[in-house]
Amino acid sequence: MTLSPAELESLHELAIATAKLAGAHIQSRVDNHSGVQTKDGGDTLASQVVTEVDHESQALILDALADSIAQCDLGLLTEESEDDYTRHEKDAFWCIDPIDGTLSFTEGVPGYSVSIALVSRGGTPLIGVAHDPITGTTFHANKGGGAFRNELAISPPPAEQSSILTWAQDRSMKQMPGYDKVAESVEEMAKRLGFDDLHIIDQYGSVLNACTVIENTPALYFKFPKTAKGGGSTWDFAATACLFGEWGMPPTDIHGDPLNLNPDGCTFMNQKAAVFASSSQLAEAARSIYQRINIT
């Protein structure tokens, strides 16, 4: 079924309330969980870590969204459950990461969040909600409705440029092959574009790394392609893809094409990865770095 603007806004509000509900539960369990387990989630520690709180958060979210799934005939894709491929059968599907940045959660440090998105079967993000349980900050957007931070509209990236460029990194970035070349290239790019300094933030998960770009413009966050499975999955980028689209800076893959948020088969995005930036110039610069040094 095709969702009306009123239905989309209702689902948007539901996603915000649900993310906050899950975030409150997660925060209540920071110092009260049984520890770390592992799963087959990719080639980095961060992608393999899971706790019972991930499953509890997911259960809360699915319970809150159950009526909308039935009433609006929606599909579902969520990190801690097997892909049932309803995302290819329904007109739209909920895309859920019950805790993005579980490793940070287990360490009791900032970086974890709840991510809930609604994505069309064609891969277009329709709703995006990213909630930080520590700060209580909620970034949210729905297609055509604008981007918001705690219900306040997020201003477009400023025309005047700060002298500091922020580079948000995944915690595993420094372990990637060729990281030194990448870091050197980003430093050179920052100088070439007229920045006096480069500030690196490397404590967050994928969702909050993308939000960091909005909070610290001018800024960029990227993941480069790799042969090993991983590189983030659809649920790592769906909510922030909607947020950035409504902000006027939709993310791309490494070739400059829109992110494929409903891929066939595996949900890993290691083949084409992702680039989030506060300007088209910075996005193109990040893509050029990859093309030039060809990191795999």
C-alpha atoms as a PDB file:
ATOM      1  CA  MET A   1       0.000   0.000   0.000  1.00  0.00           C
ATOM      2  CA  THR A   2       1.079   3.567  -0.627  1.00  0.00           C
ATOM      3  CA  LEU A   3       1.463   5.560   2.578  1.00  0.00           C
ATOM      4  CA  SER A   4      -0.298   8.915   2.719  1.00  0.00           C
ATOM      5  CA  PRO A   5       1.490  11.972   4.157  1.00  0.00           C
ATOM      6  CA  ALA A   6      -0.657  11.653   7.293  1.00  0.00           C
ATOM      7  CA  GLU A   7       0.240   7.972   7.694  1.00  0.00           C
ATOM      8  CA  LEU A   8       3.916   8.727   7.156  1.00  0.00           C
ATOM      9  CA  GLU A   9       3.851  11.440   9.816  1.00  0.00           C
ATOM     10  CA  SER A  10       2.055   9.095  12.233  1.00  0.00           C
ATOM     11  CA  LEU A  11       4.696   6.419  11.656  1.00  0.00           C
ATOM     12  CA  HIS A  12       7.394   9.073  12.100  1.00  0.00           C
ATOM     13  CA  GLU A  13       5.997   9.988  15.519  1.00  0.00           C
ATOM     14  CA  LEU A  14       5.701   6.302  16.425  1.00  0.00           C
ATOM     15  CA  ALA A  15       9.345   5.698  15.498  1.00  0.00           C
ATOM     16  CA  ILE A  16      10.487   8.631  17.669  1.00  0.00           C
ATOM     17  CA  ALA A  17       8.505   7.424  20.688  1.00  0.00           C
ATOM     18  CA  THR A  18       9.721   3.853  20.180  1.00  0.00           C
ATOM     19  CA  ALA A  19      13.384   4.844  19.916  1.00  0.00           C
ATOM     20  CA  LYS A  20      13.103   6.834  23.136  1.00  0.00           C
ATOM     21  CA  LEU A  21      11.412   3.901  24.885  1.00  0.00           C
ATOM     22  CA  ALA A  22      14.165   1.523  23.821  1.00  0.00           C
ATOM     23  CA  GLY A  23      16.829   4.081  24.735  1.00  0.00           C
ATOM     24  CA  ALA A  24      15.478   4.431  28.270  1.00  0.00           C
ATOM     25  CA  HIS A  25      15.616   0.659  28.724  1.00  0.00           C
ATOM     26  CA  ILE A  26      19.132   0.444  27.326  1.00  0.00           C
ATOM     27  CA  GLN A  27      20.342   3.180  29.634  1.00  0.00           C
ATOM     28  CA  SER A  28      18.809   1.420  32.647  1.00  0.00           C
ATOM     29  CA  ARG A  29      20.948  -1.631  31.840  1.00  0.00           C
ATOM     30  CA  VAL A  30      24.350  -0.012  31.297  1.00  0.00           C
ATOM     31  CA  ASP A  31      25.753  -1.408  34.551  1.00  0.00           C
ATOM     32  CA  ASN A  32      23.395  -4.354  34.743  1.00  0.00           C
ATOM     33  CA  HIS A  33      23.950  -6.848  31.965  1.00  0.00           C
ATOM     34  CA  SER A  34      25.551 -10.263  31.850  1.00  0.00           C
ATOM     35  CA  GLY A  35      28.386  -9.332  29.527  1.00  0.00           C
ATOM     36  CA  VAL A  36      29.470  -9.748  25.946  1.00  0.00           C
ATOM     37  CA  GLN A  37      28.560 -12.522  23.556  1.00  0.00           C
ATOM     38  CA  THR A  38      29.642 -12.829  19.945  1.00  0.00           C
ATOM     39  CA  LYS A  39      27.830 -13.395  16.654  1.00  0.00           C
ATOM     40  CA  ASP A  40      28.679 -13.703  12.976  1.00  0.00           C
ATOM     41  CA  GLY A  41      28.336 -10.016  12.225  1.00  0.00           C
ATOM     42  CA  GLY A  42      31.345  -9.084  10.128  1.00  0.00           C
ATOM     43  CA  ASP A  43      35.123  -8.937  10.376  1.00  0.00           C
ATOM     44  CA  THR A  44      35.509  -6.441  13.236  1.00  0.00           C
ATOM     45  CA  LEU A  45      34.987  -6.830  16.982  1.00  0.00           C
ATOM     46  CA  ALA A  46      32.400  -4.070  17.008  1.00  0.00           C
ATOM     47  CA  SER A  47      30.265  -5.964  14.469  1.00  0.00           C
ATOM     48  CA  GLN A  48      30.504  -9.247  16.408  1.00  0.00           C
ATOM     49  CA  VAL A  49      29.568  -8.027  19.881  1.00  0.00           C
ATOM     50  CA  VAL A  50      26.039  -8.608  21.160  1.00  0.00           C
ATOM     51  CA  THR A  51      24.416  -8.629  24.610  1.00  0.00           C
ATOM     52  CA  GLU A  52      21.059  -9.664  25.990  1.00  0.00           C
ATOM     53  CA  VAL A  53      20.201  -5.955  26.054  1.00  0.00           C
ATOM     54  CA  ASP A  54      20.375  -5.852  22.236  1.00  0.00           C
ATOM     55  CA  HIS A  55      17.683  -8.516  22.176  1.00  0.00           C
ATOM     56  CA  GLU A  56      15.638  -6.816  24.882  1.00  0.00           C
ATOM     57  CA  SER A  57      15.760  -3.516  23.000  1.00  0.00           C
ATOM     58  CA  GLN A  58      14.722  -5.258  19.801  1.00  0.00           C
ATOM     59  CA  ALA A  59      11.796  -6.969  21.548  1.00  0.00           C
ATOM     60  CA  LEU A  60      10.581  -3.627  22.912  1.00  0.00           C
ATOM     61  CA  ILE A  61      10.822  -2.023  19.482  1.00  0.00           C
ATOM     62  CA  LEU A  62       9.050  -4.859  17.682  1.00  0.00           C
ATOM     63  CA  ASP A  63       6.256  -4.870  20.240  1.00  0.00           C
ATOM     64  CA  ALA A  64       5.783  -1.106  19.812  1.00  0.00           C
ATOM     65  CA  LEU A  65       5.769  -1.361  16.005  1.00  0.00           C
ATOM     66  CA  ALA A  66       3.666  -4.519  15.709  1.00  0.00           C
ATOM     67  CA  ASP A  67       0.351  -2.772  15.055  1.00  0.00           C
ATOM     68  CA  SER A  68       1.872  -0.538  12.375  1.00  0.00           C
ATOM     69  CA  ILE A  69       3.343  -3.579  10.614  1.00  0.00           C
ATOM     70  CA  ALA A  70      -0.091  -5.207  10.467  1.00  0.00           C
ATOM     71  CA  GLN A  71      -2.130  -2.104   9.696  1.00  0.00           C
ATOM     72  CA  CYS A  72       0.200  -0.676   7.042  1.00  0.00           C
ATOM     73  CA  ASP A  73       1.353  -4.038   5.651  1.00  0.00           C
ATOM     74  CA  LEU A  74       5.040  -3.333   6.286  1.00  0.00           C
ATOM     75  CA  GLY A  75       8.068  -5.579   6.001  1.00  0.00           C
ATOM     76  CA  LEU A  76      10.847  -5.870   8.552  1.00  0.00           C
ATOM     77  CA  LEU A  77      14.634  -5.965   8.690  1.00  0.00           C
ATOM     78  CA  THR A  78      16.350  -5.886  12.056  1.00  0.00           C
ATOM     79  CA  GLU A  79      19.896  -6.644  13.133  1.00  0.00           C
ATOM     80  CA  GLU A  80      19.233  -9.320  15.714  1.00  0.00           C
ATOM     81  CA  SER A  81      16.830 -11.453  13.659  1.00  0.00           C
ATOM     82  CA  GLU A  82      17.149 -13.515  10.506  1.00  0.00           C
ATOM     83  CA  ASP A  83      16.338 -11.613   7.323  1.00  0.00           C
ATOM     84  CA  ASP A  84      12.885 -12.847   6.216  1.00  0.00           C
ATOM     85  CA  TYR A  85      13.057 -10.890   2.925  1.00  0.00           C
ATOM     86  CA  THR A  86       9.697  -9.190   3.498  1.00  0.00           C
ATOM     87  CA  ARG A  87      11.680  -6.069   2.599  1.00  0.00           C
ATOM     88  CA  HIS A  88      11.462  -7.284  -1.010  1.00  0.00           C
ATOM     89  CA  GLU A  89       7.766  -8.172  -0.786  1.00  0.00           C
ATOM     90  CA  LYS A  90       6.184  -5.147   0.896  1.00  0.00           C
ATOM     91  CA  ASP A  91       6.013  -1.554  -0.333  1.00  0.00           C
ATOM     92  CA  ALA A  92       8.062  -0.432   2.695  1.00  0.00           C
ATOM     93  CA  PHE A  93       9.834  -2.012   5.650  1.00  0.00           C
ATOM     94  CA  TRP A  94      10.997  -1.056   9.120  1.00  0.00           C
ATOM     95  CA  CYS A  95      14.805  -1.197   9.328  1.00  0.00           C
ATOM     96  CA  ILE A  96      16.011  -1.461  12.927  1.00  0.00           C
ATOM     97  CA  ASP A  97      19.281  -1.459  14.820  1.00  0.00           C
ATOM     98  CA  PRO A  98      18.272  -1.947  18.483  1.00  0.00           C
ATOM     99  CA  ILE A  99      21.739  -0.880  19.682  1.00  0.00           C
ATOM    100  CA  ASP A 100      24.204   0.570  17.222  1.00  0.00           C
ATOM    101  CA  GLY A 101      27.602   0.670  18.921  1.00  0.00           C
ATOM    102  CA  THR A 102      27.111  -2.254  21.312  1.00  0.00           C
ATOM    103  CA  LEU A 103      30.839  -2.333  22.065  1.00  0.00           C
ATOM    104  CA  SER A 104      30.632   1.187  23.483  1.00  0.00           C
ATOM    105  CA  PHE A 105      27.556   0.166  25.492  1.00  0.00           C
ATOM    106  CA  THR A 106      29.440  -2.739  27.091  1.00  0.00           C
ATOM    107  CA  GLU A 107      32.267  -0.370  28.013  1.00  0.00           C
ATOM    108  CA  GLY A 108      29.886   2.243  29.434  1.00  0.00           C
ATOM    109  CA  VAL A 109      31.226   4.980  27.152  1.00  0.00           C
ATOM    110  CA  PRO A 110      29.411   7.268  24.658  1.00  0.00           C
ATOM    111  CA  GLY A 111      28.841   6.019  21.126  1.00  0.00           C
ATOM    112  CA  TYR A 112      25.774   3.780  21.194  1.00  0.00           C
ATOM    113  CA  SER A 113      22.316   4.624  19.907  1.00  0.00           C
ATOM    114  CA  VAL A 114      18.954   3.299  18.755  1.00  0.00           C
ATOM    115  CA  SER A 115      18.255   3.488  15.028  1.00  0.00           C
ATOM    116  CA  ILE A 116      14.813   3.053  13.464  1.00  0.00           C
ATOM    117  CA  ALA A 117      14.095   3.742   9.797  1.00  0.00           C
ATOM    118  CA  LEU A 118      11.316   3.125   7.309  1.00  0.00           C
ATOM    119  CA  VAL A 119      12.599   2.311   3.830  1.00  0.00           C
ATOM    120  CA  SER A 120      10.677   1.823   0.581  1.00  0.00           C
ATOM    121  CA  ARG A 121      11.058  -1.404  -1.362  1.00  0.00           C
ATOM    122  CA  GLY A 122      12.990   0.625  -3.922  1.00  0.00           C
ATOM    123  CA  GLY A 123      15.533   1.567  -1.255  1.00  0.00           C
ATOM    124  CA  THR A 124      14.438   5.156  -0.561  1.00  0.00           C
ATOM    125  CA  PRO A 125      14.583   6.168   3.123  1.00  0.00           C
ATOM    126  CA  LEU A 126      11.159   7.450   4.208  1.00  0.00           C
ATOM    127  CA  ILE A 127      11.686   7.886   7.963  1.00  0.00           C
ATOM    128  CA  GLY A 128      14.860   8.077  10.015  1.00  0.00           C
ATOM    129  CA  VAL A 129      15.234   8.230  13.792  1.00  0.00           C
ATOM    130  CA  ALA A 130      18.551   8.082  15.672  1.00  0.00           C
ATOM    131  CA  HIS A 131      18.355   8.340  19.464  1.00  0.00           C
ATOM    132  CA  ASP A 132      21.313   8.781  21.816  1.00  0.00           C
ATOM    133  CA  PRO A 133      20.323   7.280  25.202  1.00  0.00           C
ATOM    134  CA  ILE A 134      23.128   9.044  27.092  1.00  0.00           C
ATOM    135  CA  THR A 135      22.316  12.606  26.063  1.00  0.00           C
ATOM    136  CA  GLY A 136      18.648  12.070  25.270  1.00  0.00           C
ATOM    137  CA  THR A 137      19.226  13.616  21.844  1.00  0.00           C
ATOM    138  CA  THR A 138      16.963  12.427  19.039  1.00  0.00           C
ATOM    139  CA  PHE A 139      17.729  13.137  15.403  1.00  0.00           C
ATOM    140  CA  HIS A 140      14.741  12.474  13.170  1.00  0.00           C
ATOM    141  CA  ALA A 141      13.334  13.083   9.709  1.00  0.00           C
ATOM    142  CA  ASN A 142      10.639  11.924   7.338  1.00  0.00           C
ATOM    143  CA  LYS A 143      10.686  12.294   3.579  1.00  0.00           C
ATOM    144  CA  GLY A 144       9.600  15.768   2.562  1.00  0.00           C
ATOM    145  CA  GLY A 145       9.225  16.891   6.164  1.00  0.00           C
ATOM    146  CA  GLY A 146      12.696  18.180   7.009  1.00  0.00           C
ATOM    147  CA  ALA A 147      15.433  17.151   9.432  1.00  0.00           C
ATOM    148  CA  PHE A 148      15.199  17.729  13.171  1.00  0.00           C
ATOM    149  CA  ARG A 149      17.204  17.511  16.359  1.00  0.00           C
ATOM    150  CA  ASN A 150      14.918  17.136  19.379  1.00  0.00           C
ATOM    151  CA  GLU A 151      12.011  18.515  17.318  1.00  0.00           C
ATOM    152  CA  LEU A 152      13.957  21.641  16.327  1.00  0.00           C
ATOM    153  CA  ALA A 153      14.682  21.995  12.621  1.00  0.00           C
ATOM    154  CA  ILE A 154      18.314  21.469  11.701  1.00  0.00           C
ATOM    155  CA  SER A 155      19.677  24.427   9.755  1.00  0.00           C
ATOM    156  CA  PRO A 156      21.351  23.799   6.379  1.00  0.00           C
ATOM    157  CA  PRO A 157      25.157  23.573   6.440  1.00  0.00           C
ATOM    158  CA  PRO A 158      26.537  27.118   6.914  1.00  0.00           C
ATOM    159  CA  ALA A 159      27.999  28.859   3.889  1.00  0.00           C
ATOM    160  CA  GLU A 160      30.890  30.251   5.930  1.00  0.00           C
ATOM    161  CA  GLN A 161      33.484  27.632   6.662  1.00  0.00           C
ATOM    162  CA  SER A 162      35.079  26.996  10.045  1.00  0.00           C
ATOM    163  CA  SER A 163      38.862  26.718  10.107  1.00  0.00           C
ATOM    164  CA  ILE A 164      38.600  23.201  11.593  1.00  0.00           C
ATOM    165  CA  LEU A 165      37.551  20.113   9.653  1.00  0.00           C
ATOM    166  CA  THR A 166      36.088  17.239  11.704  1.00  0.00           C
ATOM    167  CA  TRP A 167      36.657  13.674  10.555  1.00  0.00           C
ATOM    168  CA  ALA A 168      34.417  11.113  12.279  1.00  0.00           C
ATOM    169  CA  GLN A 169      35.875   7.622  12.229  1.00  0.00           C
ATOM    170  CA  ASP A 170      34.661   4.178  13.216  1.00  0.00           C
ATOM    171  CA  ARG A 171      36.720   2.724  16.039  1.00  0.00           C
ATOM    172  CA  SER A 172      38.027   0.052  13.663  1.00  0.00           C
ATOM    173  CA  MET A 173      39.226   2.590  11.087  1.00  0.00           C
ATOM    174  CA  LYS A 174      42.813   2.590  12.313  1.00  0.00           C
ATOM    175  CA  GLN A 175      43.009  -1.191  11.808  1.00  0.00           C
ATOM    176  CA  MET A 176      42.071  -1.042   8.125  1.00  0.00           C
ATOM    177  CA  PRO A 177      44.811  -1.788   5.577  1.00  0.00           C
ATOM    178  CA  GLY A 178      46.364   1.420   4.339  1.00  0.00           C
ATOM    179  CA  TYR A 179      44.997   3.591   7.139  1.00  0.00           C
ATOM    180  CA  ASP A 180      48.202   5.655   7.268  1.00  0.00           C
ATOM    181  CA  LYS A 181      47.792   6.527   3.586  1.00  0.00           C
ATOM    182  CA  VAL A 182      44.163   7.460   4.150  1.00  0.00           C
ATOM    183  CA  ALA A 183      44.994   9.663   7.149  1.00  0.00           C
ATOM    184  CA  GLU A 184      47.790  11.375   5.249  1.00  0.00           C
ATOM    185  CA  SER A 185      45.481  11.984   2.297  1.00  0.00           C
ATOM    186  CA  VAL A 186      42.741  13.453   4.503  1.00  0.00           C
ATOM    187  CA  GLU A 187      45.277  15.796   6.124  1.00  0.00           C
ATOM    188  CA  GLU A 188      46.509  16.899   2.703  1.00  0.00           C
ATOM    189  CA  MET A 189      42.939  17.395   1.516  1.00  0.00           C
ATOM    190  CA  ALA A 190      42.101  19.514   4.580  1.00  0.00           C
ATOM    191  CA  LYS A 191      45.068  21.799   3.916  1.00  0.00           C
ATOM    192  CA  ARG A 192      44.249  22.042   0.227  1.00  0.00           C
ATOM    193  CA  LEU A 193      40.703  23.114   1.025  1.00  0.00           C
ATOM    194  CA  GLY A 194      41.935  25.830   3.383  1.00  0.00           C
ATOM    195  CA  PHE A 195      41.415  24.270   6.808  1.00  0.00           C
ATOM    196  CA  ASP A 196      43.875  25.118   9.557  1.00  0.00           C
ATOM    197  CA  ASP A 197      43.307  21.985  11.588  1.00  0.00           C
ATOM    198  CA  LEU A 198      41.859  18.468  11.383  1.00  0.00           C
ATOM    199  CA  HIS A 199      39.896  17.169  14.368  1.00  0.00           C
ATOM    200  CA  ILE A 200      39.324  13.407  14.595  1.00  0.00           C
ATOM    201  CA  ILE A 201      36.429  11.853  16.531  1.00  0.00           C
ATOM    202  CA  ASP A 202      36.688   8.075  16.821  1.00  0.00           C
ATOM    203  CA  GLN A 203      34.529   6.954  19.733  1.00  0.00           C
ATOM    204  CA  TYR A 204      31.108   6.417  18.160  1.00  0.00           C
ATOM    205  CA  GLY A 205      29.186   3.819  16.180  1.00  0.00           C
ATOM    206  CA  SER A 206      28.097   4.358  12.583  1.00  0.00           C
ATOM    207  CA  VAL A 207      24.833   6.104  13.461  1.00  0.00           C
ATOM    208  CA  LEU A 208      26.274   8.698  15.828  1.00  0.00           C
ATOM    209  CA  ASN A 209      29.314   9.171  13.582  1.00  0.00           C
ATOM    210  CA  ALA A 210      26.962  10.345  10.852  1.00  0.00           C
ATOM    211  CA  CYS A 211      25.117  12.589  13.325  1.00  0.00           C
ATOM    212  CA  THR A 212      28.500  13.997  14.371  1.00  0.00           C
ATOM    213  CA  VAL A 213      28.870  15.405  10.851  1.00  0.00           C
ATOM    214  CA  ILE A 214      25.716  17.467  11.362  1.00  0.00           C
ATOM    215  CA  GLU A 215      26.788  18.575  14.834  1.00  0.00           C
ATOM    216  CA  ASN A 216      30.331  19.571  13.826  1.00  0.00           C
ATOM    217  CA  THR A 217      30.196  21.101  10.357  1.00  0.00           C
ATOM    218  CA  PRO A 218      32.308  21.192   8.310  1.00  0.00           C
ATOM    219  CA  ALA A 219      32.774  17.456   8.739  1.00  0.00           C
ATOM    220  CA  LEU A 220      32.804  14.105   7.002  1.00  0.00           C
ATOM    221  CA  TYR A 221      32.407  10.419   7.819  1.00  0.00           C
ATOM    222  CA  PHE A 222      33.128   7.609   5.421  1.00  0.00           C
ATOM    223  CA  LYS A 223      33.635   3.868   5.190  1.00  0.00           C
ATOM    224  CA  PHE A 224      35.705   2.548   2.318  1.00  0.00           C
ATOM    225  CA  PRO A 225      34.889  -0.660   0.415  1.00  0.00           C
ATOM    226  CA  LYS A 226      36.598  -3.896   1.397  1.00  0.00           C
ATOM    227  CA  THR A 227      36.530  -7.495   0.248  1.00  0.00           C
ATOM    228  CA  ALA A 228      35.668  -8.948   3.662  1.00  0.00           C
ATOM    229  CA  LYS A 229      32.017  -8.929   4.652  1.00  0.00           C
ATOM    230  CA  GLY A 230      31.102  -6.039   6.895  1.00  0.00           C
ATOM    231  CA  GLY A 231      31.464  -2.356   6.225  1.00  0.00           C
ATOM    232  CA  GLY A 232      28.154  -1.707   7.907  1.00  0.00           C
ATOM    233  CA  SER A 233      24.719  -3.046   7.031  1.00  0.00           C
ATOM    234  CA  THR A 234      21.541  -1.396   5.841  1.00  0.00           C
ATOM    235  CA  TRP A 235      20.401  -0.731   9.419  1.00  0.00           C
ATOM    236  CA  ASP A 236      23.623   1.194  10.116  1.00  0.00           C
ATOM    237  CA  PHE A 237      22.835   3.819   7.472  1.00  0.00           C
ATOM    238  CA  ALA A 238      19.090   3.844   6.761  1.00  0.00           C
ATOM    239  CA  ALA A 239      18.014   6.297   9.471  1.00  0.00           C
ATOM    240  CA  THR A 240      20.848   8.744   8.898  1.00  0.00           C
ATOM    241  CA  ALA A 241      20.401   8.498   5.115  1.00  0.00           C
ATOM    242  CA  CYS A 242      16.895   9.901   5.599  1.00  0.00           C
ATOM    243  CA  LEU A 243      18.199  12.530   8.011  1.00  0.00           C
ATOM    244  CA  PHE A 244      20.927  13.683   5.602  1.00  0.00           C
ATOM    245  CA  GLY A 245      18.562  13.635   2.644  1.00  0.00           C
ATOM    246  CA  GLU A 246      16.216  16.008   4.427  1.00  0.00           C
ATOM    247  CA  TRP A 247      19.215  18.098   5.512  1.00  0.00           C
ATOM    248  CA  GLY A 248      20.055  18.532   1.849  1.00  0.00           C
ATOM    249  CA  MET A 249      23.191  16.381   1.872  1.00  0.00           C
ATOM    250  CA  PRO A 250      22.142  12.826   0.961  1.00  0.00           C
ATOM    251  CA  PRO A 251      24.920  10.281   1.495  1.00  0.00           C
ATOM    252  CA  THR A 252      26.420   8.344  -1.398  1.00  0.00           C
ATOM    253  CA  ASP A 253      28.378   5.195  -1.966  1.00  0.00           C
ATOM    254  CA  ILE A 254      32.044   5.457  -2.872  1.00  0.00           C
ATOM    255  CA  HIS A 255      31.159   6.047  -6.535  1.00  0.00           C
ATOM    256  CA  GLY A 256      28.817   8.942  -5.836  1.00  0.00           C
ATOM    257  CA  ASP A 257      25.617   6.960  -6.331  1.00  0.00           C
ATOM    258  CA  PRO A 258      22.739   6.904  -3.817  1.00  0.00           C
ATOM    259  CA  LEU A 259      23.080   4.286  -1.090  1.00  0.00           C
ATOM    260  CA  ASN A 260      21.338   1.018  -1.918  1.00  0.00           C
ATOM    261  CA  LEU A 261      19.282   0.538   1.235  1.00  0.00           C
ATOM    262  CA  ASN A 262      17.475  -2.585   0.053  1.00  0.00           C
ATOM    263  CA  PRO A 263      20.158  -4.746  -1.547  1.00  0.00           C
ATOM    264  CA  ASP A 264      19.521  -8.216  -2.894  1.00  0.00           C
ATOM    265  CA  GLY A 265      20.833 -11.012  -0.726  1.00  0.00           C
ATOM    266  CA  CYS A 266      23.302  -9.944   1.965  1.00  0.00           C
ATOM    267  CA  THR A 267      22.679  -6.658   3.779  1.00  0.00           C
ATOM    268  CA  PHE A 268      26.384  -5.880   4.193  1.00  0.00           C
ATOM    269  CA  MET A 269      27.502  -2.768   2.314  1.00  0.00           C
ATOM    270  CA  ASN A 270      31.219  -3.578   2.068  1.00  0.00           C
ATOM    271  CA  GLN A 271      31.229  -3.541  -1.739  1.00  0.00           C
ATOM    272  CA  LYS A 272      30.413   0.163  -2.200  1.00  0.00           C
ATOM    273  CA  ALA A 273      30.513   1.510   1.381  1.00  0.00           C
ATOM    274  CA  ALA A 274      29.227   4.996   2.312  1.00  0.00           C
ATOM    275  CA  VAL A 275      30.181   8.673   2.441  1.00  0.00           C
ATOM    276  CA  PHE A 276      28.462  11.256   4.677  1.00  0.00           C
ATOM    277  CA  ALA A 277      29.625  14.865   4.451  1.00  0.00           C
ATOM    278  CA  SER A 278      28.469  18.391   5.227  1.00  0.00           C
ATOM    279  CA  SER A 279      29.205  19.590   1.688  1.00  0.00           C
ATOM    280  CA  SER A 280      29.365  18.136  -1.792  1.00  0.00           C
ATOM    281  CA  GLN A 281      32.987  19.302  -1.972  1.00  0.00           C
ATOM    282  CA  LEU A 282      33.962  17.222   1.064  1.00  0.00           C
ATOM    283  CA  ALA A 283      32.028  14.212  -0.197  1.00  0.00           C
ATOM    284  CA  GLU A 284      33.786  14.359  -3.538  1.00  0.00           C
ATOM    285  CA  ALA A 285      37.147  14.776  -1.799  1.00  0.00           C
ATOM    286  CA  ALA A 286      36.554  11.601   0.254  1.00  0.00           C
ATOM    287  CA  ARG A 287      35.554   9.637  -2.839  1.00  0.00           C
ATOM    288  CA  SER A 288      38.621  10.933  -4.681  1.00  0.00           C
ATOM    289  CA  ILE A 289      40.922   9.755  -1.900  1.00  0.00           C
ATOM    290  CA  TYR A 290      39.595   6.219  -2.296  1.00  0.00           C
ATOM    291  CA  GLN A 291      39.915   6.287  -6.072  1.00  0.00           C
ATOM    292  CA  ARG A 292      43.463   7.606  -5.856  1.00  0.00           C
ATOM    293  CA  ILE A 293      44.909   5.196  -3.308  1.00  0.00           C
ATOM    294  CA  ASN A 294      42.532   2.268  -4.006  1.00  0.00           C
ATOM    295  CA  ILE A 295      42.338   0.831  -0.505  1.00  0.00           C
ATOM    296  CA  THR A 296      40.789  -2.672  -0.367  1.00  0.00           C
END
